[in-house]
Amino acid sequence: MIAFSKVVTNKVNHTFRSDCPTIFKSTGMALFDLVVAEMMYERAMAKQTGAYVHL
């Protein structure tokens, strides 16, 4: 298991694979969760990857 904070701060080189789902368990301050979610969204858009989910 790799700490998500190390992936976000580029302290580890992690490759996300489509055949191995990545799970992010969000706990803590809502502001931190929002910042992380925005960064993940921006990276996914830049790489043109991910899936749209209608809520």
PDB file of N, CA and C in Angstrom:
ATOM      1  N   MET A   1       0.850  -1.173   0.000  1.00  0.00           N
ATOM      2  CA  MET A   1       0.000   0.000   0.000  1.00  0.00           C
ATOM      3  C   MET A   1       0.896   1.236   0.000  1.00  0.00           C
ATOM      4  N   ILE A   2       0.538   2.201  -0.812  1.00  0.00           N
ATOM      5  CA  ILE A   2       1.290   3.449  -0.927  1.00  0.00           C
ATOM      6  C   ILE A   2       0.439   4.584  -0.378  1.00  0.00           C
ATOM      7  N   ALA A   3       1.020   5.413   0.461  1.00  0.00           N
ATOM      8  CA  ALA A   3       0.301   6.567   0.998  1.00  0.00           C
ATOM      9  C   ALA A   3       0.005   7.539  -0.138  1.00  0.00           C
ATOM     10  N   PHE A   4      -1.251   7.956  -0.224  1.00  0.00           N
ATOM     11  CA  PHE A   4      -1.664   8.858  -1.305  1.00  0.00           C
ATOM     12  C   PHE A   4      -0.908  10.176  -1.251  1.00  0.00           C
ATOM     13  N   SER A   5      -0.584  10.635  -0.046  1.00  0.00           N
ATOM     14  CA  SER A   5       0.150  11.897   0.085  1.00  0.00           C
ATOM     15  C   SER A   5       1.508  11.815  -0.601  1.00  0.00           C
ATOM     16  N   LYS A   6       2.126  10.636  -0.614  1.00  0.00           N
ATOM     17  CA  LYS A   6       3.426  10.488  -1.291  1.00  0.00           C
ATOM     18  C   LYS A   6       3.272  10.520  -2.810  1.00  0.00           C
ATOM     19  N   VAL A   7       2.136  10.030  -3.312  1.00  0.00           N
ATOM     20  CA  VAL A   7       1.881  10.097  -4.749  1.00  0.00           C
ATOM     21  C   VAL A   7       1.634  11.543  -5.161  1.00  0.00           C
ATOM     22  N   VAL A   8       0.827  12.255  -4.376  1.00  0.00           N
ATOM     23  CA  VAL A   8       0.484  13.644  -4.687  1.00  0.00           C
ATOM     24  C   VAL A   8       1.714  14.539  -4.675  1.00  0.00           C
ATOM     25  N   THR A   9       2.622  14.310  -3.738  1.00  0.00           N
ATOM     26  CA  THR A   9       3.816  15.149  -3.622  1.00  0.00           C
ATOM     27  C   THR A   9       4.990  14.626  -4.440  1.00  0.00           C
ATOM     28  N   ASN A  10       4.724  13.608  -5.263  1.00  0.00           N
ATOM     29  CA  ASN A  10       5.739  13.005  -6.145  1.00  0.00           C
ATOM     30  C   ASN A  10       6.929  12.440  -5.376  1.00  0.00           C
ATOM     31  N   LYS A  11       6.715  11.972  -4.142  1.00  0.00           N
ATOM     32  CA  LYS A  11       7.781  11.338  -3.375  1.00  0.00           C
ATOM     33  C   LYS A  11       7.980   9.887  -3.799  1.00  0.00           C
ATOM     34  N   VAL A  12       6.992   9.328  -4.494  1.00  0.00           N
ATOM     35  CA  VAL A  12       7.109   7.995  -5.074  1.00  0.00           C
ATOM     36  C   VAL A  12       6.636   8.068  -6.514  1.00  0.00           C
ATOM     37  N   ASN A  13       7.166   7.205  -7.334  1.00  0.00           N
ATOM     38  CA  ASN A  13       6.750   7.131  -8.731  1.00  0.00           C
ATOM     39  C   ASN A  13       5.769   5.978  -8.843  1.00  0.00           C
ATOM     40  N   HIS A  14       4.493   6.294  -8.942  1.00  0.00           N
ATOM     41  CA  HIS A  14       3.466   5.265  -9.001  1.00  0.00           C
ATOM     42  C   HIS A  14       2.748   5.340 -10.329  1.00  0.00           C
ATOM     43  N   THR A  15       2.574   4.197 -10.972  1.00  0.00           N
ATOM     44  CA  THR A  15       1.852   4.117 -12.230  1.00  0.00           C
ATOM     45  C   THR A  15       0.477   3.521 -11.972  1.00  0.00           C
ATOM     46  N   PHE A  16      -0.555   4.259 -12.316  1.00  0.00           N
ATOM     47  CA  PHE A  16      -1.917   3.773 -12.165  1.00  0.00           C
ATOM     48  C   PHE A  16      -2.241   2.897 -13.360  1.00  0.00           C
ATOM     49  N   ARG A  17      -2.810   1.715 -13.088  1.00  0.00           N
ATOM     50  CA  ARG A  17      -3.114   0.750 -14.145  1.00  0.00           C
ATOM     51  C   ARG A  17      -4.607   0.522 -14.228  1.00  0.00           C
ATOM     52  N   SER A  18      -5.093   0.344 -15.448  1.00  0.00           N
ATOM     53  CA  SER A  18      -6.534   0.128 -15.640  1.00  0.00           C
ATOM     54  C   SER A  18      -6.978  -1.254 -15.151  1.00  0.00           C
ATOM     55  N   ASP A  19      -6.052  -2.213 -15.070  1.00  0.00           N
ATOM     56  CA  ASP A  19      -6.420  -3.556 -14.621  1.00  0.00           C
ATOM     57  C   ASP A  19      -6.306  -3.721 -13.105  1.00  0.00           C
ATOM     58  N   CYS A  20      -5.902  -2.664 -12.423  1.00  0.00           N
ATOM     59  CA  CYS A  20      -5.750  -2.706 -10.968  1.00  0.00           C
ATOM     60  C   CYS A  20      -6.338  -1.424 -10.390  1.00  0.00           C
ATOM     61  N   PRO A  21      -7.559  -1.484  -9.865  1.00  0.00           N
ATOM     62  CA  PRO A  21      -8.205  -0.257  -9.397  1.00  0.00           C
ATOM     63  C   PRO A  21      -7.460   0.398  -8.245  1.00  0.00           C
ATOM     64  N   THR A  22      -7.510   1.703  -8.227  1.00  0.00           N
ATOM     65  CA  THR A  22      -6.906   2.480  -7.157  1.00  0.00           C
ATOM     66  C   THR A  22      -8.014   2.962  -6.238  1.00  0.00           C
ATOM     67  N   ILE A  23      -7.823   2.782  -4.953  1.00  0.00           N
ATOM     68  CA  ILE A  23      -8.826   3.188  -3.980  1.00  0.00           C
ATOM     69  C   ILE A  23      -8.264   4.334  -3.150  1.00  0.00           C
ATOM     70  N   PHE A  24      -9.044   5.386  -3.034  1.00  0.00           N
ATOM     71  CA  PHE A  24      -8.659   6.538  -2.214  1.00  0.00           C
ATOM     72  C   PHE A  24      -9.692   6.683  -1.119  1.00  0.00           C
ATOM     73  N   LYS A  25      -9.285   6.447   0.125  1.00  0.00           N
ATOM     74  CA  LYS A  25     -10.185   6.591   1.258  1.00  0.00           C
ATOM     75  C   LYS A  25      -9.971   7.982   1.834  1.00  0.00           C
ATOM     76  N   SER A  26     -10.988   8.771   1.747  1.00  0.00           N
ATOM     77  CA  SER A  26     -10.899  10.159   2.177  1.00  0.00           C
ATOM     78  C   SER A  26     -11.334  10.295   3.633  1.00  0.00           C
ATOM     79  N   THR A  27     -10.436  10.771   4.460  1.00  0.00           N
ATOM     80  CA  THR A  27     -10.770  11.077   5.852  1.00  0.00           C
ATOM     81  C   THR A  27     -10.057  12.366   6.223  1.00  0.00           C
ATOM     82  N   GLY A  28     -10.635  13.101   7.098  1.00  0.00           N
ATOM     83  CA  GLY A  28      -9.981  14.328   7.526  1.00  0.00           C
ATOM     84  C   GLY A  28     -10.759  15.558   7.131  1.00  0.00           C
ATOM     85  N   MET A  29     -10.023  16.632   6.894  1.00  0.00           N
ATOM     86  CA  MET A  29     -10.637  17.924   6.604  1.00  0.00           C
ATOM     87  C   MET A  29     -11.238  17.958   5.203  1.00  0.00           C
ATOM     88  N   ALA A  30     -12.415  18.505   5.095  1.00  0.00           N
ATOM     89  CA  ALA A  30     -13.097  18.595   3.809  1.00  0.00           C
ATOM     90  C   ALA A  30     -12.321  19.455   2.822  1.00  0.00           C
ATOM     91  N   LEU A  31     -11.649  20.494   3.293  1.00  0.00           N
ATOM     92  CA  LEU A  31     -10.871  21.357   2.401  1.00  0.00           C
ATOM     93  C   LEU A  31      -9.749  20.571   1.738  1.00  0.00           C
ATOM     94  N   PHE A  32      -9.043  19.742   2.508  1.00  0.00           N
ATOM     95  CA  PHE A  32      -7.983  18.910   1.949  1.00  0.00           C
ATOM     96  C   PHE A  32      -8.563  17.954   0.909  1.00  0.00           C
ATOM     97  N   ASP A  33      -9.707  17.348   1.229  1.00  0.00           N
ATOM     98  CA  ASP A  33     -10.352  16.435   0.296  1.00  0.00           C
ATOM     99  C   ASP A  33     -10.696  17.144  -1.011  1.00  0.00           C
ATOM    100  N   LEU A  34     -11.174  18.361  -0.922  1.00  0.00           N
ATOM    101  CA  LEU A  34     -11.534  19.134  -2.113  1.00  0.00           C
ATOM    102  C   LEU A  34     -10.304  19.454  -2.955  1.00  0.00           C
ATOM    103  N   VAL A  35      -9.219  19.832  -2.323  1.00  0.00           N
ATOM    104  CA  VAL A  35      -7.978  20.149  -3.037  1.00  0.00           C
ATOM    105  C   VAL A  35      -7.465  18.914  -3.775  1.00  0.00           C
ATOM    106  N   VAL A  36      -7.482  17.769  -3.111  1.00  0.00           N
ATOM    107  CA  VAL A  36      -7.019  16.530  -3.731  1.00  0.00           C
ATOM    108  C   VAL A  36      -7.930  16.142  -4.896  1.00  0.00           C
ATOM    109  N   ALA A  37      -9.229  16.255  -4.708  1.00  0.00           N
ATOM    110  CA  ALA A  37     -10.179  15.912  -5.775  1.00  0.00           C
ATOM    111  C   ALA A  37      -9.972  16.805  -7.002  1.00  0.00           C
ATOM    112  N   GLU A  38      -9.748  18.091  -6.778  1.00  0.00           N
ATOM    113  CA  GLU A  38      -9.519  19.005  -7.902  1.00  0.00           C
ATOM    114  C   GLU A  38      -8.235  18.639  -8.646  1.00  0.00           C
ATOM    115  N   MET A  39      -7.179  18.311  -7.913  1.00  0.00           N
ATOM    116  CA  MET A  39      -5.914  17.942  -8.543  1.00  0.00           C
ATOM    117  C   MET A  39      -6.072  16.659  -9.357  1.00  0.00           C
ATOM    118  N   MET A  40      -6.798  15.688  -8.796  1.00  0.00           N
ATOM    119  CA  MET A  40      -7.015  14.437  -9.517  1.00  0.00           C
ATOM    120  C   MET A  40      -7.819  14.683 -10.792  1.00  0.00           C
ATOM    121  N   TYR A  41      -8.831  15.543 -10.711  1.00  0.00           N
ATOM    122  CA  TYR A  41      -9.647  15.879 -11.875  1.00  0.00           C
ATOM    123  C   TYR A  41      -8.792  16.544 -12.957  1.00  0.00           C
ATOM    124  N   GLU A  42      -7.969  17.507 -12.558  1.00  0.00           N
ATOM    125  CA  GLU A  42      -7.132  18.223 -13.523  1.00  0.00           C
ATOM    126  C   GLU A  42      -6.141  17.281 -14.202  1.00  0.00           C
ATOM    127  N   ARG A  43      -5.552  16.375 -13.450  1.00  0.00           N
ATOM    128  CA  ARG A  43      -4.608  15.420 -14.051  1.00  0.00           C
ATOM    129  C   ARG A  43      -5.319  14.468 -15.005  1.00  0.00           C
ATOM    130  N   ALA A  44      -6.502  14.018 -14.624  1.00  0.00           N
ATOM    131  CA  ALA A  44      -7.261  13.117 -15.499  1.00  0.00           C
ATOM    132  C   ALA A  44      -7.646  13.826 -16.796  1.00  0.00           C
ATOM    133  N   MET A  45      -8.070  15.075 -16.702  1.00  0.00           N
ATOM    134  CA  MET A  45      -8.423  15.833 -17.899  1.00  0.00           C
ATOM    135  C   MET A  45      -7.200  16.038 -18.791  1.00  0.00           C
ATOM    136  N   ALA A  46      -6.051  16.341 -18.193  1.00  0.00           N
ATOM    137  CA  ALA A  46      -4.829  16.559 -18.965  1.00  0.00           C
ATOM    138  C   ALA A  46      -4.405  15.287 -19.702  1.00  0.00           C
ATOM    139  N   LYS A  47      -4.625  14.132 -19.074  1.00  0.00           N
ATOM    140  CA  LYS A  47      -4.257  12.852 -19.687  1.00  0.00           C
ATOM    141  C   LYS A  47      -5.391  12.257 -20.512  1.00  0.00           C
ATOM    142  N   GLN A  48      -6.508  12.942 -20.538  1.00  0.00           N
ATOM    143  CA  GLN A  48      -7.712  12.486 -21.247  1.00  0.00           C
ATOM    144  C   GLN A  48      -8.066  11.055 -20.852  1.00  0.00           C
ATOM    145  N   THR A  49      -8.175  10.859 -19.540  1.00  0.00           N
ATOM    146  CA  THR A  49      -8.495   9.533 -19.002  1.00  0.00           C
ATOM    147  C   THR A  49      -9.582   9.672 -17.943  1.00  0.00           C
ATOM    148  N   GLY A  50     -10.106   8.576 -17.507  1.00  0.00           N
ATOM    149  CA  GLY A  50     -11.131   8.604 -16.475  1.00  0.00           C
ATOM    150  C   GLY A  50     -12.492   8.276 -17.070  1.00  0.00           C
ATOM    151  N   ALA A  51     -13.498   8.385 -16.238  1.00  0.00           N
ATOM    152  CA  ALA A  51     -14.859   8.072 -16.661  1.00  0.00           C
ATOM    153  C   ALA A  51     -15.800   9.116 -16.097  1.00  0.00           C
ATOM    154  N   TYR A  52     -16.758   9.538 -16.894  1.00  0.00           N
ATOM    155  CA  TYR A  52     -17.785  10.467 -16.427  1.00  0.00           C
ATOM    156  C   TYR A  52     -18.850   9.667 -15.680  1.00  0.00           C
ATOM    157  N   VAL A  53     -19.247  10.157 -14.543  1.00  0.00           N
ATOM    158  CA  VAL A  53     -20.273   9.507 -13.730  1.00  0.00           C
ATOM    159  C   VAL A  53     -21.378  10.517 -13.481  1.00  0.00           C
ATOM    160  N   HIS A  54     -22.588  10.179 -13.892  1.00  0.00           N
ATOM    161  CA  HIS A  54     -23.731  11.055 -13.672  1.00  0.00           C
ATOM    162  C   HIS A  54     -24.234  10.850 -12.253  1.00  0.00           C
ATOM    163  N   LEU A  55     -24.265  11.899 -11.474  1.00  0.00           N
ATOM    164  CA  LEU A  55     -24.742  11.794 -10.091  1.00  0.00           C
ATOM    165  C   LEU A  55     -26.119  12.385  -9.949  1.00  0.00           C
TER     166      LEU A  55
END
